[in-house]
Amino acid sequence: MHIGVPGCGPRQHWSVYHDRWDRLLLLPDGRLRHYTISDSGHADEEDLSENHHFHDYKPGFYCLDKKLETDTNEITQFAIVCAPKISSGWKDTDFILRKIVDPVFHAIAIICYTAVAIIHFVLPQLRDLVGNIITTISICMVVMQSADLVRIFTELSSPLGFLIADIIMFISLLGAFFWLNSLGFYIWKTFRSRNVFLRITDGKKYCYYSYFVWSSTVAMSVLAIFSHFMLDTPNSNSIHKLQPNMVQGTAFGWLGIAVFFCPIAFTVFGNIYYYVATLNILSQMSTYGRIHHKLKLCFENFLKLSIVMTIGWLFLLFSWLPYKGIYYVYIVMNLLEAILVLYVSVLCQLKVRFLLKKACCYENCFCSLFRPDQTTDGPEWGEEMMAMNR
């Protein structure tokens, strides 16, 4: 008999508690059988059979002990096990979707968000306050997708690395929604103001918004991490209890996730308020100036981004339910969210497409190979009109 945690190598340690969700049974040959009760939590010991989902751990890959429940003074079993290896069969649909399709879709999503950030950062005409906010949101989503990509391969990362990936993912997602909320506040405040010709520059306004957004993000993140380590109970310390396959979970407990996601829910309600209030202001306006016309386009983009990001966040919540089909839908929706953000921010905007065409074609030396008879010294009539409008 060995005392201590099992040697799992690169695989993770997982804590399993004998309760209404999980049942632990020590077999005569020394193996530990872990039953997962996903449909009902009232199965007795004699009712457990091979019809229930279970996994056997060989000796050396688990550590079994007893624990005292503080509420009921009942002695139950507790085990630290090594995360089971995922079946690598190419005929396994679940393996293909989770370990191949999902990482590929994450990589494509990272490319989409990176393209949005680069376009709004490189083009000088888009480097205003709205463009900087969209760039920051895209960078936050890139970091979030990268951290979520690490979380997919649970058997290749250490428990500490898995926890750090969770923290980075939640912080990035929280920052993205705070920035989206600040965009709605800026549009609403500008339409509400009688004098839109303020002397403050977009750079200073972006700094002011940055102070508020990042300080709020850091404060809520510190509170969530403190709640996870200090206030969360051991029995709720793993969301993978809701997932019988223990393939895609999170190392964060319910309390820490609630501290992260409650502010996101409040930002969603805040975005709804900014949309309704701004729409009422627009309905009362009889004339539009140049700045109001530009902000009206930004307001439409804000509405589309809010809908897309909110739906993506809801599917992230639904993916933790113990149903494979919901997680498969989340895999597709995660990619669709990135494509829609790229479409809303770049592809569907005539001004952005014109600026990209000007930057990539008229200022590119390779275009002269295909248009030797055209000169690129002076701007065309459409470019002069665009410059006058700016």
Protein backbone atom coordinates (compact mmCIF):
# COMPACT_ATOMS: atom_id res chain seq x y z
CA MET A 1 0.00 0.00 0.00
CA HIS A 2 1.35 3.40 -1.02
CA ILE A 3 0.45 6.67 0.67
CA GLY A 4 0.14 9.90 -1.29
CA VAL A 5 -1.18 11.12 -4.60
CA PRO A 6 -0.80 8.84 -7.61
CA GLY A 7 1.96 9.43 -10.12
CA CYS A 8 0.08 10.55 -13.20
CA GLY A 9 2.96 12.00 -15.21
CA PRO A 10 1.65 14.59 -17.68
CA ARG A 11 -1.96 13.61 -16.94
CA GLN A 12 -4.02 15.58 -14.46
CA HIS A 13 -5.18 14.75 -10.96
CA TRP A 14 -8.95 14.81 -10.49
CA SER A 15 -10.84 14.77 -7.20
CA VAL A 16 -13.83 12.42 -7.04
CA TYR A 17 -16.28 12.45 -4.12
CA HIS A 18 -18.67 9.60 -3.34
CA ASP A 19 -21.99 11.42 -3.51
CA ARG A 20 -25.22 11.54 -5.50
CA TRP A 21 -23.35 12.25 -8.73
CA ASP A 22 -20.38 9.89 -8.40
CA ARG A 23 -20.04 6.46 -6.83
CA LEU A 24 -16.75 4.80 -5.92
CA LEU A 25 -16.40 1.03 -5.63
CA LEU A 26 -13.19 -0.85 -4.81
CA LEU A 27 -13.11 -4.12 -6.74
CA PRO A 28 -11.53 -7.34 -5.36
CA ASP A 29 -8.67 -7.22 -7.89
CA GLY A 30 -7.57 -3.77 -6.64
CA ARG A 31 -9.18 -1.65 -9.32
CA LEU A 32 -11.26 1.39 -8.43
CA ARG A 33 -14.53 1.66 -10.34
CA HIS A 34 -15.99 5.15 -10.72
CA TYR A 35 -19.69 5.22 -11.57
CA THR A 36 -21.23 8.44 -12.90
CA ILE A 37 -24.93 8.90 -12.22
CA SER A 38 -26.01 11.39 -14.88
CA ASP A 39 -29.74 10.76 -15.14
CA SER A 40 -30.72 10.20 -11.53
CA GLY A 41 -29.00 10.70 -8.22
CA HIS A 42 -31.00 8.04 -6.34
CA ALA A 43 -29.33 4.84 -7.52
CA ASP A 44 -28.43 2.50 -4.67
CA GLU A 45 -25.24 0.48 -4.46
CA GLU A 46 -27.02 -2.73 -5.50
CA ASP A 47 -28.60 -0.93 -8.46
CA LEU A 48 -25.24 -0.07 -10.00
CA SER A 49 -24.51 -2.24 -13.02
CA GLU A 50 -22.66 -2.16 -16.29
CA ASN A 51 -25.56 -0.20 -17.76
CA HIS A 52 -24.32 2.85 -15.86
CA HIS A 53 -21.37 4.83 -17.15
CA PHE A 54 -18.20 3.86 -15.30
CA HIS A 55 -14.44 3.84 -15.61
CA ASP A 56 -11.94 1.53 -13.92
CA TYR A 57 -8.64 2.85 -12.56
CA LYS A 58 -5.75 0.45 -12.17
CA PRO A 59 -3.72 0.36 -8.93
CA GLY A 60 -1.23 3.21 -8.92
CA PHE A 61 -3.53 5.52 -10.83
CA TYR A 62 -5.77 6.40 -7.90
CA CYS A 63 -5.63 7.18 -4.21
CA LEU A 64 -8.67 6.20 -2.13
CA ASP A 65 -9.39 7.64 1.30
CA LYS A 66 -12.29 8.53 3.60
CA LYS A 67 -13.63 11.96 4.46
CA LEU A 68 -16.02 13.28 7.10
CA GLU A 69 -18.98 15.33 5.91
CA THR A 70 -19.20 18.40 8.14
CA ASP A 71 -22.94 18.86 7.57
CA THR A 72 -24.20 15.33 8.23
CA ASN A 73 -21.20 13.84 10.10
CA GLU A 74 -21.29 11.01 7.59
CA ILE A 75 -18.12 9.23 6.51
CA THR A 76 -17.84 8.93 2.73
CA GLN A 77 -15.17 7.92 0.28
CA PHE A 78 -12.88 10.30 -1.54
CA ALA A 79 -10.40 9.57 -4.33
CA ILE A 80 -7.73 11.36 -6.33
CA VAL A 81 -7.49 9.74 -9.75
CA CYS A 82 -5.46 10.25 -12.89
CA ALA A 83 -7.49 11.63 -15.75
CA PRO A 84 -8.23 8.77 -18.15
CA LYS A 85 -6.72 8.83 -21.57
CA ILE A 86 -9.09 9.72 -24.35
CA SER A 87 -9.70 7.08 -26.95
CA SER A 88 -7.80 7.96 -30.11
CA GLY A 89 -9.85 5.82 -32.46
CA TRP A 90 -10.58 7.57 -35.72
CA LYS A 91 -13.95 5.85 -35.82
CA ASP A 92 -14.98 7.51 -32.57
CA THR A 93 -17.19 10.46 -33.49
CA ASP A 94 -16.83 12.06 -30.07
CA PHE A 95 -13.03 11.96 -30.31
CA ILE A 96 -13.02 13.46 -33.80
CA LEU A 97 -15.32 16.32 -32.83
CA ARG A 98 -13.64 17.15 -29.52
CA LYS A 99 -9.97 16.57 -30.31
CA ILE A 100 -9.75 17.39 -34.02
CA VAL A 101 -12.68 19.50 -35.21
CA ASP A 102 -12.83 21.68 -32.08
CA PRO A 103 -9.11 22.68 -32.14
CA VAL A 104 -9.31 23.40 -35.88
CA PHE A 105 -12.37 25.59 -35.35
CA HIS A 106 -10.57 27.38 -32.50
CA ALA A 107 -7.62 28.07 -34.80
CA ILE A 108 -9.91 29.50 -37.48
CA ALA A 109 -11.64 31.64 -34.85
CA ILE A 110 -8.27 32.99 -33.69
CA ILE A 111 -7.45 33.92 -37.28
CA CYS A 112 -10.78 35.76 -37.67
CA TYR A 113 -10.37 37.76 -34.46
CA THR A 114 -6.74 38.53 -35.30
CA ALA A 115 -7.76 39.82 -38.73
CA VAL A 116 -10.33 42.16 -37.15
CA ALA A 117 -7.75 43.48 -34.67
CA ILE A 118 -5.05 44.01 -37.31
CA ILE A 119 -7.38 45.77 -39.77
CA HIS A 120 -8.67 48.22 -37.17
CA PHE A 121 -5.18 48.83 -35.82
CA VAL A 122 -3.28 49.24 -39.10
CA LEU A 123 -5.70 51.45 -41.05
CA PRO A 124 -5.31 55.04 -39.77
CA GLN A 125 -8.91 55.94 -40.65
CA LEU A 126 -10.21 53.28 -38.24
CA ARG A 127 -8.01 54.18 -35.28
CA ASP A 128 -10.65 56.27 -33.54
CA LEU A 129 -12.23 55.40 -30.19
CA VAL A 130 -14.70 52.92 -31.69
CA GLY A 131 -11.96 51.25 -33.73
CA ASN A 132 -9.68 50.97 -30.70
CA ILE A 133 -12.48 49.39 -28.67
CA ILE A 134 -13.18 46.85 -31.41
CA THR A 135 -9.45 46.09 -31.60
CA THR A 136 -9.30 45.52 -27.84
CA ILE A 137 -12.37 43.29 -27.91
CA SER A 138 -10.81 41.22 -30.70
CA ILE A 139 -7.54 40.85 -28.77
CA CYS A 140 -9.47 39.71 -25.70
CA MET A 141 -11.29 37.12 -27.80
CA VAL A 142 -7.99 35.90 -29.27
CA VAL A 143 -6.61 35.34 -25.76
CA MET A 144 -9.87 33.68 -24.73
CA GLN A 145 -9.80 31.29 -27.70
CA SER A 146 -6.13 30.46 -27.07
CA ALA A 147 -6.80 29.62 -23.42
CA ASP A 148 -9.85 27.56 -24.38
CA LEU A 149 -7.68 25.69 -26.89
CA VAL A 150 -5.36 24.67 -24.05
CA ARG A 151 -8.35 23.46 -22.03
CA ILE A 152 -9.37 21.03 -24.78
CA PHE A 153 -6.39 18.73 -24.22
CA THR A 154 -6.97 18.00 -20.55
CA GLU A 155 -4.74 14.94 -20.50
CA LEU A 156 -1.68 16.87 -21.71
CA SER A 157 -1.67 19.70 -19.17
CA SER A 158 -0.93 19.80 -15.47
CA PRO A 159 -3.66 20.74 -12.98
CA LEU A 160 -1.98 24.10 -12.35
CA GLY A 161 -1.71 24.83 -16.06
CA PHE A 162 -5.33 23.82 -16.54
CA LEU A 163 -6.40 26.17 -13.75
CA ILE A 164 -4.32 29.03 -15.18
CA ALA A 165 -5.91 28.47 -18.60
CA ASP A 166 -9.34 28.70 -16.97
CA ILE A 167 -8.44 31.94 -15.23
CA ILE A 168 -7.04 33.51 -18.42
CA MET A 169 -10.09 32.43 -20.39
CA PHE A 170 -12.58 33.90 -17.92
CA ILE A 171 -10.63 37.14 -17.49
CA SER A 172 -10.40 37.67 -21.25
CA LEU A 173 -14.09 36.96 -21.74
CA LEU A 174 -15.01 39.32 -18.91
CA GLY A 175 -12.78 42.06 -20.35
CA ALA A 176 -14.35 41.66 -23.80
CA PHE A 177 -17.86 42.15 -22.43
CA PHE A 178 -16.77 45.12 -20.32
CA TRP A 179 -15.32 46.76 -23.44
CA LEU A 180 -18.49 46.01 -25.39
CA ASN A 181 -20.51 47.64 -22.62
CA SER A 182 -18.23 50.68 -22.70
CA LEU A 183 -18.84 50.96 -26.45
CA GLY A 184 -22.59 51.06 -25.87
CA PHE A 185 -22.12 53.65 -23.11
CA TYR A 186 -20.00 55.85 -25.39
CA ILE A 187 -22.57 55.79 -28.20
CA TRP A 188 -25.46 56.45 -25.82
CA LYS A 189 -23.62 59.27 -24.06
CA THR A 190 -22.64 60.94 -27.33
CA PHE A 191 -26.18 60.89 -28.71
CA ARG A 192 -27.47 62.15 -25.36
CA SER A 193 -25.01 65.03 -25.26
CA ARG A 194 -26.06 68.32 -26.80
CA ASN A 195 -22.52 69.24 -27.82
CA VAL A 196 -20.72 66.45 -29.66
CA PHE A 197 -17.73 68.63 -30.57
CA LEU A 198 -15.67 67.95 -27.46
CA ARG A 199 -12.08 69.06 -27.15
CA ILE A 200 -10.90 65.79 -25.66
CA THR A 201 -9.15 63.51 -28.15
CA ASP A 202 -10.00 59.90 -28.88
CA GLY A 203 -6.69 58.83 -27.35
CA LYS A 204 -7.49 60.40 -23.99
CA LYS A 205 -11.03 59.01 -24.03
CA TYR A 206 -9.64 55.54 -24.76
CA CYS A 207 -7.27 55.90 -21.79
CA TYR A 208 -10.15 56.89 -19.52
CA TYR A 209 -12.24 53.95 -20.67
CA SER A 210 -9.21 51.68 -20.24
CA TYR A 211 -8.78 52.72 -16.62
CA PHE A 212 -12.38 51.88 -15.85
CA VAL A 213 -12.61 48.65 -17.83
CA TRP A 214 -9.34 47.07 -16.77
CA SER A 215 -9.69 48.11 -13.13
CA SER A 216 -13.18 46.56 -13.05
CA THR A 217 -11.90 43.42 -14.78
CA VAL A 218 -8.98 43.03 -12.38
CA ALA A 219 -11.19 43.67 -9.33
CA MET A 220 -13.79 41.08 -10.35
CA SER A 221 -11.06 38.58 -11.31
CA VAL A 222 -9.34 38.91 -7.94
CA LEU A 223 -12.69 38.46 -6.21
CA ALA A 224 -13.47 35.36 -8.28
CA ILE A 225 -10.07 33.77 -7.63
CA PHE A 226 -10.39 34.53 -3.92
CA SER A 227 -13.87 33.00 -3.88
CA HIS A 228 -12.63 29.87 -5.62
CA PHE A 229 -9.73 29.20 -3.26
CA MET A 230 -11.15 30.52 0.01
CA LEU A 231 -14.94 30.36 -0.10
CA ASP A 232 -15.85 27.55 -2.49
CA THR A 233 -16.75 24.18 -0.99
CA PRO A 234 -14.84 21.06 -2.08
CA ASN A 235 -18.00 19.31 -3.29
CA SER A 236 -18.67 22.04 -5.87
CA ASN A 237 -15.05 22.49 -6.86
CA SER A 238 -15.35 20.81 -10.25
CA ILE A 239 -17.88 21.40 -12.96
CA HIS A 240 -16.91 18.11 -14.56
CA LYS A 241 -19.39 16.46 -12.20
CA LEU A 242 -22.05 17.64 -14.60
CA GLN A 243 -20.18 16.00 -17.47
CA PRO A 244 -20.01 12.23 -17.22
CA ASN A 245 -17.29 11.92 -19.87
CA MET A 246 -14.98 14.37 -18.06
CA VAL A 247 -13.54 15.54 -21.37
CA GLN A 248 -14.32 19.22 -21.44
CA GLY A 249 -14.67 20.70 -17.96
CA THR A 250 -13.20 23.43 -15.90
CA ALA A 251 -11.05 23.49 -12.80
CA PHE A 252 -13.07 26.38 -11.40
CA GLY A 253 -15.91 25.87 -8.94
CA TRP A 254 -19.42 27.22 -9.24
CA LEU A 255 -18.79 30.15 -6.92
CA GLY A 256 -15.76 31.41 -8.86
CA ILE A 257 -17.56 31.06 -12.17
CA ALA A 258 -20.58 32.88 -10.76
CA VAL A 259 -18.37 35.81 -9.75
CA PHE A 260 -16.94 35.88 -13.27
CA PHE A 261 -20.22 35.48 -15.15
CA CYS A 262 -22.58 37.62 -13.07
CA PRO A 263 -20.86 40.84 -14.25
CA ILE A 264 -21.16 39.55 -17.82
CA ALA A 265 -24.89 39.09 -17.30
CA PHE A 266 -25.14 42.64 -15.96
CA THR A 267 -23.29 43.98 -19.01
CA VAL A 268 -25.79 42.18 -21.24
CA PHE A 269 -28.65 43.96 -19.46
CA GLY A 270 -26.68 47.20 -19.68
CA ASN A 271 -26.29 46.76 -23.43
CA ILE A 272 -30.04 46.26 -23.74
CA TYR A 273 -30.62 49.49 -21.84
CA TYR A 274 -28.15 51.44 -24.00
CA TYR A 275 -29.80 50.08 -27.14
CA VAL A 276 -33.33 51.03 -26.06
CA ALA A 277 -32.27 54.46 -24.74
CA THR A 278 -30.25 55.29 -27.86
CA LEU A 279 -33.09 54.13 -30.09
CA ASN A 280 -35.48 56.50 -28.30
CA ILE A 281 -33.05 59.37 -28.80
CA LEU A 282 -32.72 58.58 -32.50
CA SER A 283 -36.50 58.49 -32.92
CA GLN A 284 -36.72 62.03 -31.52
CA MET A 285 -33.94 63.48 -33.70
CA SER A 286 -35.10 65.25 -36.86
CA THR A 287 -31.68 66.05 -38.35
CA TYR A 288 -28.40 64.18 -38.37
CA GLY A 289 -24.94 65.69 -38.50
CA ARG A 290 -21.82 64.05 -39.85
CA ILE A 291 -20.81 62.76 -36.42
CA HIS A 292 -24.34 61.52 -35.70
CA HIS A 293 -24.44 59.72 -39.03
CA LYS A 294 -21.14 58.01 -38.24
CA LEU A 295 -22.29 57.06 -34.75
CA LYS A 296 -25.53 55.68 -36.15
CA LEU A 297 -23.48 53.17 -38.14
CA CYS A 298 -21.46 52.40 -35.01
CA PHE A 299 -24.72 51.91 -33.13
CA GLU A 300 -25.87 49.31 -35.66
CA ASN A 301 -22.54 47.50 -35.38
CA PHE A 302 -22.78 47.62 -31.59
CA LEU A 303 -26.19 45.96 -31.73
CA LYS A 304 -24.91 43.19 -33.99
CA LEU A 305 -21.81 42.57 -31.89
CA SER A 306 -23.89 42.45 -28.72
CA ILE A 307 -26.23 39.84 -30.16
CA VAL A 308 -23.39 37.68 -31.52
CA MET A 309 -21.25 37.78 -28.37
CA THR A 310 -24.23 37.21 -26.05
CA ILE A 311 -25.35 34.14 -28.00
CA GLY A 312 -21.79 32.81 -27.95
CA TRP A 313 -21.59 33.31 -24.17
CA LEU A 314 -24.91 31.51 -23.64
CA PHE A 315 -23.74 28.53 -25.67
CA LEU A 316 -20.58 28.44 -23.55
CA LEU A 317 -22.80 28.10 -20.48
CA PHE A 318 -24.94 25.42 -22.14
CA SER A 319 -21.84 23.43 -23.15
CA TRP A 320 -21.29 22.49 -19.48
CA LEU A 321 -24.57 20.58 -19.35
CA PRO A 322 -24.19 16.76 -19.33
CA TYR A 323 -25.29 16.35 -22.94
CA LYS A 324 -22.91 15.67 -25.80
CA GLY A 325 -25.17 17.19 -28.43
CA ILE A 326 -25.16 20.60 -26.75
CA TYR A 327 -21.37 20.64 -26.66
CA TYR A 328 -21.22 19.70 -30.34
CA VAL A 329 -23.49 22.64 -31.11
CA TYR A 330 -21.17 24.87 -29.05
CA ILE A 331 -18.22 23.76 -31.20
CA VAL A 332 -19.99 25.03 -34.31
CA MET A 333 -21.33 28.18 -32.63
CA ASN A 334 -17.86 29.10 -31.37
CA LEU A 335 -16.58 29.25 -34.94
CA LEU A 336 -19.75 30.92 -36.20
CA GLU A 337 -19.37 33.66 -33.58
CA ALA A 338 -15.86 34.51 -34.83
CA ILE A 339 -16.99 34.54 -38.47
CA LEU A 340 -19.93 36.81 -37.64
CA VAL A 341 -17.68 39.21 -35.71
CA LEU A 342 -15.40 39.39 -38.76
CA TYR A 343 -18.40 39.95 -41.03
CA VAL A 344 -19.99 42.63 -38.84
CA SER A 345 -16.75 44.51 -38.16
CA VAL A 346 -15.12 44.30 -41.59
CA LEU A 347 -16.88 42.54 -44.44
CA CYS A 348 -20.31 44.18 -44.30
CA GLN A 349 -18.97 47.74 -43.95
CA LEU A 350 -18.52 49.60 -47.22
CA LYS A 351 -16.03 52.08 -45.76
CA VAL A 352 -13.76 49.36 -44.37
CA ARG A 353 -13.84 47.43 -47.64
CA PHE A 354 -12.93 50.59 -49.54
CA LEU A 355 -10.02 51.32 -47.21
CA LEU A 356 -8.79 47.73 -47.50
CA LYS A 357 -8.99 47.91 -51.27
CA LYS A 358 -7.06 51.16 -51.25
CA ALA A 359 -4.41 49.85 -48.85
CA CYS A 360 -4.00 46.44 -50.46
CA CYS A 361 -4.32 47.32 -54.12
CA TYR A 362 -3.57 50.93 -54.98
CA GLU A 363 -0.58 51.05 -52.65
CA ASN A 364 0.66 47.59 -53.58
CA CYS A 365 3.42 47.33 -56.13
CA PHE A 366 2.06 44.01 -57.42
CA CYS A 367 -1.03 45.75 -58.82
CA SER A 368 1.14 47.52 -61.33
CA LEU A 369 1.91 44.15 -62.92
CA PHE A 370 -1.76 43.70 -63.76
CA ARG A 371 -2.55 47.39 -64.46
CA PRO A 372 0.51 48.75 -66.28
CA ASP A 373 -1.57 51.40 -68.03
CA GLN A 374 -2.97 52.86 -64.82
CA THR A 375 -1.09 55.31 -62.65
CA THR A 376 -1.26 55.28 -58.87
CA ASP A 377 0.24 58.72 -58.29
CA GLY A 378 -2.99 60.64 -57.62
CA PRO A 379 -6.23 59.62 -55.96
CA GLU A 380 -9.32 58.88 -57.97
CA TRP A 381 -12.51 60.88 -57.75
CA GLY A 382 -14.09 58.45 -55.25
CA GLU A 383 -11.04 58.68 -53.00
CA GLU A 384 -11.17 62.47 -53.02
CA MET A 385 -14.82 62.38 -52.02
CA MET A 386 -14.01 59.92 -49.25
CA ALA A 387 -11.22 62.20 -48.03
CA MET A 388 -13.58 65.18 -48.08
CA ASN A 389 -16.16 63.27 -46.07
CA ARG A 390 -13.52 62.35 -43.50
